[in-house]
Amino acid sequence: MTAIVTEGARTTMQDAALDSVLAHDRLLSCYLASGPVLPVRFGTCFSGPRALQEALAERLAPCTARLEALRGHAEYALTVEPGDAVQSINAAPNPETGREFLKLRKIRRDRRLKASEAQSQALRALFLRAEDLAAEAEPRPARPPRRSELALLMTPATAAQLRQTLPGWCADHGLIARLAGPFPPYSFAHVAMEVPADV
């Protein structure tokens, strides 16, 4: 087992921290290409090599087991955003009378409700399919305009299998689904390395 570390003091500069985060991600991605990596929360600090060695020794068994579980896998992000369905529902001639306005408003409301229910069912089916293909899955808070987001631990083969189904699924349900990755498995490390005395 090898620990990849950077020597230096902590920084409070936002730009410098962002550059360090991106460099950290690039480094892990390079190592991911040749074997499993167990990401540690960015910014985790140790007072020196001895403190790091002690932390690793205390967690040797769970780290080794987790690395073996991650072997051959990477993290992928499945995201779903609204498509053109809402625009098609709202597309209709402008009403000429108050009665026509109320009728059209009800029609649009009913269509939106029906479309929302159908899309929710389609989302559940897609996520169940993704979870079946993945070794592990973790829901993530969806950031607007995304409707849903799911972190998946997958092999390249199962990721390709899921990615092939997305164009047809999007066309059928009026949503935009994307599978991004591979990434280092940040969501699936599950081994805390923080040491209170050193953090």
C-alpha atoms as a PDB file:
ATOM      1  CA  MET A   1       0.000   0.000   0.000  1.00  0.00           C
ATOM      2  CA  THR A   2       1.335   3.430  -0.981  1.00  0.00           C
ATOM      3  CA  ALA A   3       0.206   6.802   0.360  1.00  0.00           C
ATOM      4  CA  ILE A   4       0.325   9.741  -2.056  1.00  0.00           C
ATOM      5  CA  VAL A   5       0.891  12.992  -0.154  1.00  0.00           C
ATOM      6  CA  THR A   6       2.020  16.567  -0.715  1.00  0.00           C
ATOM      7  CA  GLU A   7       4.231  18.368   1.733  1.00  0.00           C
ATOM      8  CA  GLY A   8       3.380  21.970   2.627  1.00  0.00           C
ATOM      9  CA  ALA A   9       1.422  24.278   4.860  1.00  0.00           C
ATOM     10  CA  ARG A  10      -2.309  24.801   4.624  1.00  0.00           C
ATOM     11  CA  THR A  11      -3.514  27.651   2.437  1.00  0.00           C
ATOM     12  CA  THR A  12      -6.463  29.967   2.975  1.00  0.00           C
ATOM     13  CA  MET A  13      -6.408  31.427  -0.532  1.00  0.00           C
ATOM     14  CA  GLN A  14      -9.483  30.273  -2.447  1.00  0.00           C
ATOM     15  CA  ASP A  15      -7.787  30.222  -5.858  1.00  0.00           C
ATOM     16  CA  ALA A  16      -4.782  28.326  -4.536  1.00  0.00           C
ATOM     17  CA  ALA A  17      -7.086  25.821  -2.819  1.00  0.00           C
ATOM     18  CA  LEU A  18      -9.054  25.287  -6.051  1.00  0.00           C
ATOM     19  CA  ASP A  19      -5.853  24.710  -8.001  1.00  0.00           C
ATOM     20  CA  SER A  20      -4.770  22.187  -5.376  1.00  0.00           C
ATOM     21  CA  VAL A  21      -8.116  20.365  -5.544  1.00  0.00           C
ATOM     22  CA  LEU A  22      -7.859  20.069  -9.335  1.00  0.00           C
ATOM     23  CA  ALA A  23      -4.246  18.887  -9.121  1.00  0.00           C
ATOM     24  CA  HIS A  24      -5.294  16.358  -6.464  1.00  0.00           C
ATOM     25  CA  ASP A  25      -8.030  15.027  -8.747  1.00  0.00           C
ATOM     26  CA  ARG A  26      -5.697  14.784 -11.754  1.00  0.00           C
ATOM     27  CA  LEU A  27      -3.144  12.882  -9.710  1.00  0.00           C
ATOM     28  CA  LEU A  28      -5.702  10.378  -8.435  1.00  0.00           C
ATOM     29  CA  SER A  29      -7.097   9.951 -11.947  1.00  0.00           C
ATOM     30  CA  CYS A  30      -3.611   9.054 -13.221  1.00  0.00           C
ATOM     31  CA  TYR A  31      -3.179   6.402 -10.539  1.00  0.00           C
ATOM     32  CA  LEU A  32      -6.711   5.107 -11.163  1.00  0.00           C
ATOM     33  CA  ALA A  33      -5.650   4.162 -14.685  1.00  0.00           C
ATOM     34  CA  SER A  34      -3.161   1.627 -13.300  1.00  0.00           C
ATOM     35  CA  GLY A  35      -4.929   0.301 -10.198  1.00  0.00           C
ATOM     36  CA  PRO A  36      -7.419   0.982  -7.400  1.00  0.00           C
ATOM     37  CA  VAL A  37      -7.178   4.198  -5.397  1.00  0.00           C
ATOM     38  CA  LEU A  38      -8.747   5.017  -2.049  1.00  0.00           C
ATOM     39  CA  PRO A  39      -9.385   8.779  -2.019  1.00  0.00           C
ATOM     40  CA  VAL A  40      -8.913  10.635   1.262  1.00  0.00           C
ATOM     41  CA  ARG A  41     -10.834  13.831   1.930  1.00  0.00           C
ATOM     42  CA  PHE A  42      -8.948  16.705   0.355  1.00  0.00           C
ATOM     43  CA  GLY A  43      -7.236  18.838   2.985  1.00  0.00           C
ATOM     44  CA  THR A  44      -6.599  15.983   5.423  1.00  0.00           C
ATOM     45  CA  CYS A  45      -3.331  16.887   7.159  1.00  0.00           C
ATOM     46  CA  PHE A  46      -0.805  15.025   9.294  1.00  0.00           C
ATOM     47  CA  SER A  47       1.924  16.526  11.422  1.00  0.00           C
ATOM     48  CA  GLY A  48       4.569  14.430   9.700  1.00  0.00           C
ATOM     49  CA  PRO A  49       5.421  11.085   8.097  1.00  0.00           C
ATOM     50  CA  ARG A  50       5.237   9.262  11.407  1.00  0.00           C
ATOM     51  CA  ALA A  51       1.684  10.438  12.088  1.00  0.00           C
ATOM     52  CA  LEU A  52       0.672   9.322   8.591  1.00  0.00           C
ATOM     53  CA  GLN A  53       2.306   5.918   9.036  1.00  0.00           C
ATOM     54  CA  GLU A  54       0.542   5.429  12.363  1.00  0.00           C
ATOM     55  CA  ALA A  55      -2.814   6.358  10.855  1.00  0.00           C
ATOM     56  CA  LEU A  56      -2.301   3.884   8.028  1.00  0.00           C
ATOM     57  CA  ALA A  57      -1.182   1.135  10.391  1.00  0.00           C
ATOM     58  CA  GLU A  58      -4.320   1.573  12.510  1.00  0.00           C
ATOM     59  CA  ARG A  59      -6.506   1.279   9.405  1.00  0.00           C
ATOM     60  CA  LEU A  60      -4.516  -1.261   7.436  1.00  0.00           C
ATOM     61  CA  ALA A  61      -7.209  -3.952   7.385  1.00  0.00           C
ATOM     62  CA  PRO A  62     -10.162  -1.752   6.300  1.00  0.00           C
ATOM     63  CA  CYS A  63      -7.988   0.116   3.781  1.00  0.00           C
ATOM     64  CA  THR A  64      -6.762  -3.136   2.242  1.00  0.00           C
ATOM     65  CA  ALA A  65     -10.278  -4.564   2.084  1.00  0.00           C
ATOM     66  CA  ARG A  66     -11.663  -1.397   0.547  1.00  0.00           C
ATOM     67  CA  LEU A  67      -8.920  -1.196  -2.068  1.00  0.00           C
ATOM     68  CA  GLU A  68      -9.687  -4.759  -3.090  1.00  0.00           C
ATOM     69  CA  ALA A  69     -13.400  -3.938  -3.368  1.00  0.00           C
ATOM     70  CA  LEU A  70     -12.578  -0.926  -5.571  1.00  0.00           C
ATOM     71  CA  ARG A  71     -10.250  -2.850  -7.877  1.00  0.00           C
ATOM     72  CA  GLY A  72     -11.381  -2.549 -11.489  1.00  0.00           C
ATOM     73  CA  HIS A  73     -14.050   0.018 -10.592  1.00  0.00           C
ATOM     74  CA  ALA A  74     -14.387   3.769 -10.819  1.00  0.00           C
ATOM     75  CA  GLU A  75     -17.034   6.305  -9.876  1.00  0.00           C
ATOM     76  CA  TYR A  76     -19.558   7.487 -12.457  1.00  0.00           C
ATOM     77  CA  ALA A  77     -22.205  10.183 -12.071  1.00  0.00           C
ATOM     78  CA  LEU A  78     -25.661   9.608 -13.548  1.00  0.00           C
ATOM     79  CA  THR A  79     -27.547  12.907 -13.834  1.00  0.00           C
ATOM     80  CA  VAL A  80     -30.993  13.685 -15.219  1.00  0.00           C
ATOM     81  CA  GLU A  81     -32.206  17.130 -16.309  1.00  0.00           C
ATOM     82  CA  PRO A  82     -35.495  18.426 -17.757  1.00  0.00           C
ATOM     83  CA  GLY A  83     -35.866  18.158 -21.513  1.00  0.00           C
ATOM     84  CA  ASP A  84     -38.314  19.611 -24.015  1.00  0.00           C
ATOM     85  CA  ALA A  85     -41.409  17.963 -22.594  1.00  0.00           C
ATOM     86  CA  VAL A  86     -42.502  21.027 -20.578  1.00  0.00           C
ATOM     87  CA  GLN A  87     -42.249  23.289 -23.616  1.00  0.00           C
ATOM     88  CA  SER A  88     -44.392  20.930 -25.704  1.00  0.00           C
ATOM     89  CA  ILE A  89     -47.021  20.778 -22.960  1.00  0.00           C
ATOM     90  CA  ASN A  90     -47.269  24.566 -22.755  1.00  0.00           C
ATOM     91  CA  ALA A  91     -47.327  25.038 -26.533  1.00  0.00           C
ATOM     92  CA  ALA A  92     -50.896  25.935 -27.478  1.00  0.00           C
ATOM     93  CA  PRO A  93     -52.807  28.845 -29.084  1.00  0.00           C
ATOM     94  CA  ASN A  94     -53.594  31.793 -26.822  1.00  0.00           C
ATOM     95  CA  PRO A  95     -57.188  31.667 -25.539  1.00  0.00           C
ATOM     96  CA  GLU A  96     -59.639  34.285 -26.777  1.00  0.00           C
ATOM     97  CA  THR A  97     -62.151  34.168 -23.916  1.00  0.00           C
ATOM     98  CA  GLY A  98     -62.050  33.693 -20.161  1.00  0.00           C
ATOM     99  CA  ARG A  99     -63.745  30.314 -20.462  1.00  0.00           C
ATOM    100  CA  GLU A 100     -61.166  29.151 -23.000  1.00  0.00           C
ATOM    101  CA  PHE A 101     -58.403  30.412 -20.707  1.00  0.00           C
ATOM    102  CA  LEU A 102     -59.677  28.400 -17.738  1.00  0.00           C
ATOM    103  CA  LYS A 103     -60.169  25.312 -19.879  1.00  0.00           C
ATOM    104  CA  LEU A 104     -56.677  25.593 -21.343  1.00  0.00           C
ATOM    105  CA  ARG A 105     -55.148  26.133 -17.898  1.00  0.00           C
ATOM    106  CA  LYS A 106     -56.789  22.939 -16.633  1.00  0.00           C
ATOM    107  CA  ILE A 107     -55.624  20.999 -19.697  1.00  0.00           C
ATOM    108  CA  ARG A 108     -52.054  22.191 -19.211  1.00  0.00           C
ATOM    109  CA  ARG A 109     -52.139  21.405 -15.488  1.00  0.00           C
ATOM    110  CA  ASP A 110     -53.449  17.892 -16.138  1.00  0.00           C
ATOM    111  CA  ARG A 111     -50.841  17.305 -18.831  1.00  0.00           C
ATOM    112  CA  ARG A 112     -48.024  18.506 -16.578  1.00  0.00           C
ATOM    113  CA  LEU A 113     -49.221  16.273 -13.770  1.00  0.00           C
ATOM    114  CA  LYS A 114     -49.475  13.266 -16.074  1.00  0.00           C
ATOM    115  CA  ALA A 115     -46.054  13.976 -17.587  1.00  0.00           C
ATOM    116  CA  SER A 116     -44.515  14.436 -14.140  1.00  0.00           C
ATOM    117  CA  GLU A 117     -45.892  11.108 -12.930  1.00  0.00           C
ATOM    118  CA  ALA A 118     -44.673   9.332 -16.062  1.00  0.00           C
ATOM    119  CA  GLN A 119     -41.219  10.877 -15.755  1.00  0.00           C
ATOM    120  CA  SER A 120     -40.988   9.969 -12.071  1.00  0.00           C
ATOM    121  CA  GLN A 121     -41.753   6.346 -12.918  1.00  0.00           C
ATOM    122  CA  ALA A 122     -39.195   6.421 -15.727  1.00  0.00           C
ATOM    123  CA  LEU A 123     -36.579   7.890 -13.368  1.00  0.00           C
ATOM    124  CA  ARG A 124     -37.183   5.173 -10.810  1.00  0.00           C
ATOM    125  CA  ALA A 125     -36.839   2.499 -13.489  1.00  0.00           C
ATOM    126  CA  LEU A 126     -33.624   4.054 -14.823  1.00  0.00           C
ATOM    127  CA  PHE A 127     -32.059   4.335 -11.383  1.00  0.00           C
ATOM    128  CA  LEU A 128     -33.037   0.775 -10.497  1.00  0.00           C
ATOM    129  CA  ARG A 129     -31.401  -0.384 -13.721  1.00  0.00           C
ATOM    130  CA  ALA A 130     -28.266   1.621 -12.906  1.00  0.00           C
ATOM    131  CA  GLU A 131     -28.138   0.229  -9.366  1.00  0.00           C
ATOM    132  CA  ASP A 132     -28.454  -3.304 -10.719  1.00  0.00           C
ATOM    133  CA  LEU A 133     -25.461  -2.751 -12.999  1.00  0.00           C
ATOM    134  CA  ALA A 134     -23.338  -0.984 -10.373  1.00  0.00           C
ATOM    135  CA  ALA A 135     -21.380  -2.613  -7.586  1.00  0.00           C
ATOM    136  CA  GLU A 136     -22.552   0.192  -5.277  1.00  0.00           C
ATOM    137  CA  ALA A 137     -24.735   3.273  -5.620  1.00  0.00           C
ATOM    138  CA  GLU A 138     -25.156   6.464  -3.599  1.00  0.00           C
ATOM    139  CA  PRO A 139     -27.912   9.050  -4.202  1.00  0.00           C
ATOM    140  CA  ARG A 140     -26.655  12.627  -4.384  1.00  0.00           C
ATOM    141  CA  PRO A 141     -28.520  15.918  -3.813  1.00  0.00           C
ATOM    142  CA  ALA A 142     -29.630  17.162  -7.224  1.00  0.00           C
ATOM    143  CA  ARG A 143     -28.319  20.642  -8.034  1.00  0.00           C
ATOM    144  CA  PRO A 144     -30.601  22.726 -10.292  1.00  0.00           C
ATOM    145  CA  PRO A 145     -31.423  22.288 -13.094  1.00  0.00           C
ATOM    146  CA  ARG A 146     -30.832  18.607 -12.417  1.00  0.00           C
ATOM    147  CA  ARG A 147     -33.796  16.536 -11.282  1.00  0.00           C
ATOM    148  CA  SER A 148     -31.800  13.587  -9.974  1.00  0.00           C
ATOM    149  CA  GLU A 149     -28.207  12.555  -9.426  1.00  0.00           C
ATOM    150  CA  LEU A 150     -26.749   9.165  -8.569  1.00  0.00           C
ATOM    151  CA  ALA A 151     -23.138   8.189  -7.857  1.00  0.00           C
ATOM    152  CA  LEU A 152     -22.297   4.731  -9.190  1.00  0.00           C
ATOM    153  CA  LEU A 153     -19.336   2.431  -8.594  1.00  0.00           C
ATOM    154  CA  MET A 154     -18.942   0.578 -11.892  1.00  0.00           C
ATOM    155  CA  THR A 155     -16.545  -1.248 -14.143  1.00  0.00           C
ATOM    156  CA  PRO A 156     -15.871   0.291 -17.574  1.00  0.00           C
ATOM    157  CA  ALA A 157     -17.915  -2.496 -19.173  1.00  0.00           C
ATOM    158  CA  THR A 158     -21.046  -1.943 -17.071  1.00  0.00           C
ATOM    159  CA  ALA A 159     -20.709   1.835 -17.493  1.00  0.00           C
ATOM    160  CA  ALA A 160     -20.625   1.373 -21.265  1.00  0.00           C
ATOM    161  CA  GLN A 161     -23.663  -0.889 -21.050  1.00  0.00           C
ATOM    162  CA  LEU A 162     -25.636   1.748 -19.134  1.00  0.00           C
ATOM    163  CA  ARG A 163     -24.437   4.595 -21.376  1.00  0.00           C
ATOM    164  CA  GLN A 164     -25.700   2.787 -24.486  1.00  0.00           C
ATOM    165  CA  THR A 165     -29.260   2.767 -23.140  1.00  0.00           C
ATOM    166  CA  LEU A 166     -29.441   6.496 -22.383  1.00  0.00           C
ATOM    167  CA  PRO A 167     -30.179   7.982 -25.843  1.00  0.00           C
ATOM    168  CA  GLY A 168     -33.247   5.793 -26.301  1.00  0.00           C
ATOM    169  CA  TRP A 169     -34.406   6.437 -22.734  1.00  0.00           C
ATOM    170  CA  CYS A 170     -34.085  10.204 -23.222  1.00  0.00           C
ATOM    171  CA  ALA A 171     -36.055  10.080 -26.463  1.00  0.00           C
ATOM    172  CA  ASP A 172     -38.832   8.053 -24.835  1.00  0.00           C
ATOM    173  CA  HIS A 173     -39.271  10.233 -21.746  1.00  0.00           C
ATOM    174  CA  GLY A 174     -38.362  13.795 -22.717  1.00  0.00           C
ATOM    175  CA  LEU A 175     -35.533  14.050 -20.198  1.00  0.00           C
ATOM    176  CA  ILE A 176     -31.773  14.485 -20.578  1.00  0.00           C
ATOM    177  CA  ALA A 177     -29.689  11.776 -18.895  1.00  0.00           C
ATOM    178  CA  ARG A 178     -25.898  11.760 -18.826  1.00  0.00           C
ATOM    179  CA  LEU A 179     -23.336   9.359 -17.424  1.00  0.00           C
ATOM    180  CA  ALA A 180     -20.067  11.147 -16.597  1.00  0.00           C
ATOM    181  CA  GLY A 181     -16.847   9.433 -15.595  1.00  0.00           C
ATOM    182  CA  PRO A 182     -14.714   7.583 -14.815  1.00  0.00           C
ATOM    183  CA  PHE A 183     -13.638   9.442 -11.676  1.00  0.00           C
ATOM    184  CA  PRO A 184     -11.669   8.403  -8.594  1.00  0.00           C
ATOM    185  CA  PRO A 185     -14.227   6.778  -6.250  1.00  0.00           C
ATOM    186  CA  TYR A 186     -14.654   9.706  -3.840  1.00  0.00           C
ATOM    187  CA  SER A 187     -18.179   8.636  -2.872  1.00  0.00           C
ATOM    188  CA  PHE A 188     -17.132   5.070  -2.110  1.00  0.00           C
ATOM    189  CA  ALA A 189     -13.948   5.382  -0.035  1.00  0.00           C
ATOM    190  CA  HIS A 190     -15.759   4.641   3.262  1.00  0.00           C
ATOM    191  CA  VAL A 191     -12.538   4.770   5.310  1.00  0.00           C
ATOM    192  CA  ALA A 192     -11.987   7.908   7.387  1.00  0.00           C
ATOM    193  CA  MET A 193      -8.350   8.910   7.669  1.00  0.00           C
ATOM    194  CA  GLU A 194      -8.780  12.069   9.724  1.00  0.00           C
ATOM    195  CA  VAL A 195      -6.853  12.126  12.997  1.00  0.00           C
ATOM    196  CA  PRO A 196      -8.149  14.770  15.444  1.00  0.00           C
ATOM    197  CA  ALA A 197      -4.669  15.642  16.682  1.00  0.00           C
ATOM    198  CA  ASP A 198      -3.438  16.289  13.162  1.00  0.00           C
ATOM    199  CA  VAL A 199      -6.437  17.856  11.451  1.00  0.00           C
END
